[in-house]
Each structure stands twice: as C-alpha cells, then as structure tokens.
Amino acid sequence: MKIVIIDGQGGKIGGLLVSKLKEAGLAAGIFAIGSNSIATAAMLKAGADHGATGENPVVINCRDADFIVGPIGIIAADALLGEITPAMAAAVSQSSAKKILLPLNRCNHYIVGAQDLPVAQAVPLAVQKIEELMAAKS
C-alpha cells in the first residue's frame, strides 16, 4: 500500500499525520510530498519513508497512490496561500486513490455539515478511516 501525504506551509498537519500513521503500524509506505521544502522536511522528521517537494512529485505520486491524505485544500487550485497549483489539485482530484481529506474550514473553503475540529482531533479520525479502508481491502 502507498499512502501519499500532501501538505504545505509549515508541514504541521502532514507531520502529525505521518507520526500518527507510523504509530498505527500500518503495512504501507508513507510518501511525504510537500508543496515547499519546509513542509517536506517536517514530514520526513516525523518519520515518513520517502519525501519530495513540489508540483511534479505531487503529480507523479498521485498516479499510483492507494490513499492521498491532507487538508481539504489539496483539491483546490491556489489553496494553502497559493501553494497548491492547478496541476496539483487536478492530480489529487483525478487520482483513483481514496482521498482522506481533513475538513479544515480555512482559506474560504467551508464544508457544511462537517465538524469544525482542531487538527489534533481531526488527524486521529483520518488515521482511523485509513485503517478501516485498508482492512476492507484485505
């Protein structure tokens, strides 16, 4: 299994996702793809198996990912203060991977009906969803 985590800015959300997925002990490779080098470094420091930065790594790694995880902004062009390019958003959206998106109501994107949870509470729910989906695949 290949889990691709995409994050930007300081990589806090991605780093937390990496550490919680590692704690869960899932049989999967964790690929940290940052929209900038600071985000990538934060995810690698948290224990990601592989890391890369920028638009092309997002496009390439979304092709064969089983799961793509990150804030909801990774499917919206120009989100994360402009760090998500249209090509990145398209690669995530068009991927056949299951997308586990944290519904953070930021950057003028509001998910009606979703709980407005702090990142520290949303990340464990994302990990739980990945575990459920992986178990269903087995």
C-alpha atoms as a PDB file:
ATOM      1  CA  MET A   1       0.000   0.000   0.000  1.00  0.00           C
ATOM      2  CA  LYS A   2       1.132   3.532  -0.767  1.00  0.00           C
ATOM      3  CA  ILE A   3      -0.059   6.433   1.380  1.00  0.00           C
ATOM      4  CA  VAL A   4       0.720   9.883  -0.032  1.00  0.00           C
ATOM      5  CA  ILE A   5       0.512  12.765   2.407  1.00  0.00           C
ATOM      6  CA  ILE A   6       0.407  16.225   0.847  1.00  0.00           C
ATOM      7  CA  ASP A   7       0.896  19.352   2.901  1.00  0.00           C
ATOM      8  CA  GLY A   8       2.274  22.847   2.600  1.00  0.00           C
ATOM      9  CA  GLN A   9       3.180  25.908   4.628  1.00  0.00           C
ATOM     10  CA  GLY A  10       4.990  24.616   7.760  1.00  0.00           C
ATOM     11  CA  GLY A  11       4.005  20.971   7.342  1.00  0.00           C
ATOM     12  CA  LYS A  12       2.392  20.744  10.784  1.00  0.00           C
ATOM     13  CA  ILE A  13      -0.673  18.827   9.597  1.00  0.00           C
ATOM     14  CA  GLY A  14       1.403  16.489   7.413  1.00  0.00           C
ATOM     15  CA  GLY A  15       3.896  15.865  10.214  1.00  0.00           C
ATOM     16  CA  LEU A  16       1.112  14.978  12.621  1.00  0.00           C
ATOM     17  CA  LEU A  17      -0.455  12.664  10.033  1.00  0.00           C
ATOM     18  CA  VAL A  18       2.885  10.912   9.444  1.00  0.00           C
ATOM     19  CA  SER A  19       3.538  10.365  13.137  1.00  0.00           C
ATOM     20  CA  LYS A  20       0.027   9.028  13.812  1.00  0.00           C
ATOM     21  CA  LEU A  21       0.137   6.716  10.786  1.00  0.00           C
ATOM     22  CA  LYS A  22       3.534   5.410  11.924  1.00  0.00           C
ATOM     23  CA  GLU A  23       2.131   4.815  15.419  1.00  0.00           C
ATOM     24  CA  ALA A  24      -0.728   2.831  13.867  1.00  0.00           C
ATOM     25  CA  GLY A  25       1.834   0.444  12.356  1.00  0.00           C
ATOM     26  CA  LEU A  26       0.084   0.147   9.011  1.00  0.00           C
ATOM     27  CA  ALA A  27       1.690  -2.032   6.346  1.00  0.00           C
ATOM     28  CA  ALA A  28       2.188   0.829   3.922  1.00  0.00           C
ATOM     29  CA  GLY A  29       4.860   3.125   2.599  1.00  0.00           C
ATOM     30  CA  ILE A  30       4.346   6.727   3.637  1.00  0.00           C
ATOM     31  CA  PHE A  31       5.290   9.267   0.971  1.00  0.00           C
ATOM     32  CA  ALA A  32       5.543  12.866   2.186  1.00  0.00           C
ATOM     33  CA  ILE A  33       5.018  15.386  -0.582  1.00  0.00           C
ATOM     34  CA  GLY A  34       5.390  18.997   0.441  1.00  0.00           C
ATOM     35  CA  SER A  35       4.377  21.970  -1.616  1.00  0.00           C
ATOM     36  CA  ASN A  36       7.532  23.532  -0.154  1.00  0.00           C
ATOM     37  CA  SER A  37      10.751  22.197   1.369  1.00  0.00           C
ATOM     38  CA  ILE A  38       9.826  23.182   4.935  1.00  0.00           C
ATOM     39  CA  ALA A  39       6.671  21.051   4.785  1.00  0.00           C
ATOM     40  CA  THR A  40       8.580  18.119   3.300  1.00  0.00           C
ATOM     41  CA  ALA A  41      11.278  18.379   5.985  1.00  0.00           C
ATOM     42  CA  ALA A  42       8.666  18.415   8.763  1.00  0.00           C
ATOM     43  CA  MET A  43       7.038  15.246   7.412  1.00  0.00           C
ATOM     44  CA  LEU A  44      10.380  13.481   6.975  1.00  0.00           C
ATOM     45  CA  LYS A  45      11.347  14.454  10.525  1.00  0.00           C
ATOM     46  CA  ALA A  46       8.056  12.906  11.696  1.00  0.00           C
ATOM     47  CA  GLY A  47       9.103   9.587  10.115  1.00  0.00           C
ATOM     48  CA  ALA A  48       7.891   9.486   6.518  1.00  0.00           C
ATOM     49  CA  ASP A  49       9.530   6.750   4.435  1.00  0.00           C
ATOM     50  CA  HIS A  50      10.045   8.971   1.380  1.00  0.00           C
ATOM     51  CA  GLY A  51       9.859  12.681   0.687  1.00  0.00           C
ATOM     52  CA  ALA A  52       9.821  15.078  -2.231  1.00  0.00           C
ATOM     53  CA  THR A  53       8.857  18.673  -2.848  1.00  0.00           C
ATOM     54  CA  GLY A  54       6.834  20.485  -5.477  1.00  0.00           C
ATOM     55  CA  GLU A  55       4.309  20.115  -8.219  1.00  0.00           C
ATOM     56  CA  ASN A  56       5.854  17.248 -10.198  1.00  0.00           C
ATOM     57  CA  PRO A  57       6.197  14.907  -7.181  1.00  0.00           C
ATOM     58  CA  VAL A  58       2.523  15.506  -6.390  1.00  0.00           C
ATOM     59  CA  VAL A  59       1.522  14.680  -9.965  1.00  0.00           C
ATOM     60  CA  ILE A  60       3.730  11.576 -10.172  1.00  0.00           C
ATOM     61  CA  ASN A  61       2.882  10.129  -6.754  1.00  0.00           C
ATOM     62  CA  CYS A  62      -0.867  10.607  -7.118  1.00  0.00           C
ATOM     63  CA  ARG A  63      -0.809   8.253 -10.117  1.00  0.00           C
ATOM     64  CA  ASP A  64      -0.201   5.076  -8.120  1.00  0.00           C
ATOM     65  CA  ALA A  65      -1.250   6.057  -4.596  1.00  0.00           C
ATOM     66  CA  ASP A  66      -3.687   3.894  -2.696  1.00  0.00           C
ATOM     67  CA  PHE A  67      -4.520   6.748  -0.318  1.00  0.00           C
ATOM     68  CA  ILE A  68      -3.981  10.502  -0.558  1.00  0.00           C
ATOM     69  CA  VAL A  69      -4.192  12.341   2.747  1.00  0.00           C
ATOM     70  CA  GLY A  70      -4.104  16.027   3.606  1.00  0.00           C
ATOM     71  CA  PRO A  71      -6.120  19.148   4.244  1.00  0.00           C
ATOM     72  CA  ILE A  72      -9.146  19.707   2.004  1.00  0.00           C
ATOM     73  CA  GLY A  73      -7.237  22.473   0.237  1.00  0.00           C
ATOM     74  CA  ILE A  74      -5.139  19.956  -1.700  1.00  0.00           C
ATOM     75  CA  ILE A  75      -8.054  19.525  -4.111  1.00  0.00           C
ATOM     76  CA  ALA A  76      -8.464  23.281  -4.696  1.00  0.00           C
ATOM     77  CA  ALA A  77      -6.211  25.271  -7.011  1.00  0.00           C
ATOM     78  CA  ASP A  78      -4.436  28.169  -5.294  1.00  0.00           C
ATOM     79  CA  ALA A  79      -5.266  26.905  -1.786  1.00  0.00           C
ATOM     80  CA  LEU A  80      -2.792  26.886   1.117  1.00  0.00           C
ATOM     81  CA  LEU A  81      -1.975  30.549   0.427  1.00  0.00           C
ATOM     82  CA  GLY A  82      -1.347  29.776  -3.237  1.00  0.00           C
ATOM     83  CA  GLU A  83       0.939  26.779  -2.722  1.00  0.00           C
ATOM     84  CA  ILE A  84      -1.414  24.304  -4.434  1.00  0.00           C
ATOM     85  CA  THR A  85      -1.117  24.776  -8.178  1.00  0.00           C
ATOM     86  CA  PRO A  86      -3.938  23.878 -10.568  1.00  0.00           C
ATOM     87  CA  ALA A  87      -1.906  20.849 -11.713  1.00  0.00           C
ATOM     88  CA  MET A  88      -1.513  19.631  -8.120  1.00  0.00           C
ATOM     89  CA  ALA A  89      -5.227  19.984  -7.396  1.00  0.00           C
ATOM     90  CA  ALA A  90      -6.087  18.176 -10.634  1.00  0.00           C
ATOM     91  CA  ALA A  91      -3.643  15.340  -9.900  1.00  0.00           C
ATOM     92  CA  VAL A  92      -5.189  14.751  -6.481  1.00  0.00           C
ATOM     93  CA  SER A  93      -8.758  15.046  -7.735  1.00  0.00           C
ATOM     94  CA  GLN A  94      -8.223  12.796 -10.763  1.00  0.00           C
ATOM     95  CA  SER A  95      -6.310  10.105  -8.900  1.00  0.00           C
ATOM     96  CA  SER A  96      -8.072   6.786  -8.395  1.00  0.00           C
ATOM     97  CA  ALA A  97      -6.721   6.742  -4.823  1.00  0.00           C
ATOM     98  CA  LYS A  98      -9.047   7.045  -1.878  1.00  0.00           C
ATOM     99  CA  LYS A  99      -8.800  10.606  -0.570  1.00  0.00           C
ATOM    100  CA  ILE A 100      -8.814  11.205   3.172  1.00  0.00           C
ATOM    101  CA  LEU A 101      -9.263  14.963   3.492  1.00  0.00           C
ATOM    102  CA  LEU A 102      -9.262  16.935   6.713  1.00  0.00           C
ATOM    103  CA  PRO A 103     -12.174  19.401   6.524  1.00  0.00           C
ATOM    104  CA  LEU A 104     -10.332  22.426   7.846  1.00  0.00           C
ATOM    105  CA  ASN A 105     -12.534  25.455   7.325  1.00  0.00           C
ATOM    106  CA  ARG A 106      -9.776  27.797   6.195  1.00  0.00           C
ATOM    107  CA  CYS A 107      -8.861  29.714   3.050  1.00  0.00           C
ATOM    108  CA  ASN A 108     -12.544  30.452   2.381  1.00  0.00           C
ATOM    109  CA  HIS A 109     -13.447  26.770   1.960  1.00  0.00           C
ATOM    110  CA  TYR A 110     -16.237  25.682   4.280  1.00  0.00           C
ATOM    111  CA  ILE A 111     -17.519  22.126   4.472  1.00  0.00           C
ATOM    112  CA  VAL A 112     -21.137  22.343   5.520  1.00  0.00           C
ATOM    113  CA  GLY A 113     -22.132  19.590   7.909  1.00  0.00           C
ATOM    114  CA  ALA A 114     -18.551  18.729   8.865  1.00  0.00           C
ATOM    115  CA  GLN A 115     -17.441  19.233  12.420  1.00  0.00           C
ATOM    116  CA  ASP A 116     -15.042  22.122  12.882  1.00  0.00           C
ATOM    117  CA  LEU A 117     -12.419  20.118  14.763  1.00  0.00           C
ATOM    118  CA  PRO A 118      -8.930  21.174  15.746  1.00  0.00           C
ATOM    119  CA  VAL A 119      -6.187  19.439  13.741  1.00  0.00           C
ATOM    120  CA  ALA A 120      -5.188  17.365  16.788  1.00  0.00           C
ATOM    121  CA  GLN A 121      -8.679  15.806  16.817  1.00  0.00           C
ATOM    122  CA  ALA A 122      -9.132  15.506  13.044  1.00  0.00           C
ATOM    123  CA  VAL A 123      -5.879  13.608  12.389  1.00  0.00           C
ATOM    124  CA  PRO A 124      -6.764  10.543  14.521  1.00  0.00           C
ATOM    125  CA  LEU A 125     -10.079  10.340  12.649  1.00  0.00           C
ATOM    126  CA  ALA A 126      -8.191  10.348   9.342  1.00  0.00           C
ATOM    127  CA  VAL A 127      -5.905   7.548  10.552  1.00  0.00           C
ATOM    128  CA  GLN A 128      -8.926   5.569  11.740  1.00  0.00           C
ATOM    129  CA  LYS A 129     -10.561   5.922   8.311  1.00  0.00           C
ATOM    130  CA  ILE A 130      -7.404   4.691   6.559  1.00  0.00           C
ATOM    131  CA  GLU A 131      -7.247   1.677   8.898  1.00  0.00           C
ATOM    132  CA  GLU A 132     -10.915   0.859   8.132  1.00  0.00           C
ATOM    133  CA  LEU A 133     -10.405   1.147   4.384  1.00  0.00           C
ATOM    134  CA  MET A 134      -7.223  -0.941   4.463  1.00  0.00           C
ATOM    135  CA  ALA A 135      -8.991  -3.638   6.474  1.00  0.00           C
ATOM    136  CA  ALA A 136     -11.848  -3.675   3.973  1.00  0.00           C
ATOM    137  CA  LYS A 137      -9.355  -4.192   1.102  1.00  0.00           C
ATOM    138  CA  SER A 138      -7.838  -7.276   2.754  1.00  0.00           C
END
